Amino acid sequence: MATRRRRRNPVRRSLHRLCSKSSAAALQREAHYGLAQRLYEGVELGSEGLVGLITYSAPIRRAFPTMRLKDVREFIAGDRFGPEYLPPAPNIL
């Protein structure tokens, strides 16, 4: 029986990086969903007992509509808080 020599190539670096980034994002997403679920189910608050802190967990969007941003800035600068609480520029993540 003849033996052949097999050549083994390592996984490409870009593929490895892609898989690593993808799994890290999945773990982070899972942690956020777990936290949201605990807040929805309720947290023990001493004498108040078990209290649900949120009613609905909406996904966080990176793109905030410009029109809404303008509305929020007007609300902050209005009578409720005042212009001293308004940052000079929007805080964009």
Protein backbone atom coordinates (compact mmCIF):
# COMPACT_ATOMS: atom_id res chain seq x y z
CA MET A 1 0.00 0.00 0.00
CA ALA A 2 1.42 3.32 -1.08
CA THR A 3 1.38 6.29 1.26
CA ARG A 4 0.88 9.79 0.10
CA ARG A 5 2.09 12.86 1.79
CA ARG A 6 -0.76 15.22 2.73
CA ARG A 7 -0.26 18.92 2.97
CA ARG A 8 -2.20 20.65 5.75
CA ASN A 9 -2.77 24.35 5.45
CA PRO A 10 -3.78 26.46 8.45
CA VAL A 11 -7.10 28.31 8.36
CA ARG A 12 -6.80 31.61 6.57
CA ARG A 13 -6.30 34.52 8.97
CA SER A 14 -9.18 36.52 7.54
CA LEU A 15 -11.58 33.60 7.99
CA HIS A 16 -10.37 33.10 11.55
CA ARG A 17 -10.82 36.82 12.31
CA LEU A 18 -14.31 36.80 10.80
CA CYS A 19 -15.36 33.80 12.90
CA SER A 20 -13.87 35.35 16.02
CA LYS A 21 -15.66 38.68 15.49
CA SER A 22 -18.91 36.94 14.70
CA SER A 23 -18.82 34.80 17.84
CA ALA A 24 -17.88 37.80 20.02
CA ALA A 25 -20.85 39.75 18.65
CA ALA A 26 -23.16 36.79 19.30
CA LEU A 27 -21.96 36.50 22.90
CA GLN A 28 -22.45 40.22 23.47
CA ARG A 29 -25.94 40.06 21.98
CA GLU A 30 -26.77 37.09 24.19
CA ALA A 31 -25.60 39.00 27.28
CA HIS A 32 -27.78 42.00 26.36
CA TYR A 33 -30.83 39.81 25.76
CA GLY A 34 -30.23 38.05 29.09
CA LEU A 35 -30.09 41.37 30.93
CA ALA A 36 -33.24 42.61 29.19
CA GLN A 37 -35.04 39.39 30.10
CA ARG A 38 -34.08 39.73 33.79
CA LEU A 39 -35.29 43.36 33.83
CA TYR A 40 -38.56 42.28 32.20
CA GLU A 41 -39.15 39.38 34.61
CA GLY A 42 -38.36 41.55 37.59
CA VAL A 43 -35.66 42.43 40.09
CA GLU A 44 -35.91 42.11 43.87
CA LEU A 45 -36.05 45.65 45.29
CA GLY A 46 -36.00 45.20 49.05
CA SER A 47 -39.34 46.11 50.65
CA GLU A 48 -41.05 46.54 47.27
CA GLY A 49 -40.47 42.91 46.37
CA LEU A 50 -40.12 41.67 42.81
CA VAL A 51 -40.52 44.60 40.38
CA GLY A 52 -40.45 44.45 36.59
CA LEU A 53 -38.36 47.42 35.45
CA ILE A 54 -39.13 47.33 31.74
CA THR A 55 -42.22 46.34 29.78
CA TYR A 56 -40.69 46.01 26.31
CA SER A 57 -37.13 45.68 25.13
CA ALA A 58 -36.66 47.34 21.75
CA PRO A 59 -33.50 46.71 19.77
CA ILE A 60 -31.00 49.52 20.02
CA ARG A 61 -30.49 51.20 16.68
CA ARG A 62 -27.29 52.99 15.85
CA ALA A 63 -28.96 55.27 13.32
CA PHE A 64 -31.19 57.75 15.12
CA PRO A 65 -33.47 59.71 12.77
CA THR A 66 -32.31 63.29 12.39
CA MET A 67 -35.81 64.63 12.94
CA ARG A 68 -36.09 62.81 16.29
CA LEU A 69 -32.68 64.08 17.34
CA LYS A 70 -33.86 67.63 16.69
CA ASP A 71 -37.03 67.00 18.76
CA VAL A 72 -35.02 65.60 21.67
CA ARG A 73 -32.60 68.53 21.64
CA GLU A 74 -35.53 70.99 21.63
CA PHE A 75 -37.12 69.15 24.56
CA ILE A 76 -33.91 69.28 26.61
CA ALA A 77 -33.29 72.96 25.84
CA GLY A 78 -36.92 73.85 26.62
CA ASP A 79 -38.51 74.79 29.94
CA ARG A 80 -38.11 71.35 31.49
CA PHE A 81 -34.29 71.26 31.73
CA GLY A 82 -32.80 74.35 30.13
CA PRO A 83 -30.02 75.04 27.64
CA GLU A 84 -27.27 74.41 30.22
CA TYR A 85 -28.13 70.69 30.07
CA LEU A 86 -27.90 70.52 26.27
CA PRO A 87 -24.55 69.28 24.96
CA PRO A 88 -23.03 71.43 22.19
CA ALA A 89 -23.20 68.51 19.77
CA PRO A 90 -25.22 65.29 19.79
CA ASN A 91 -23.54 62.35 21.52
CA ILE A 92 -23.33 59.77 18.75
CA LEU A 93 -22.13 56.26 19.59
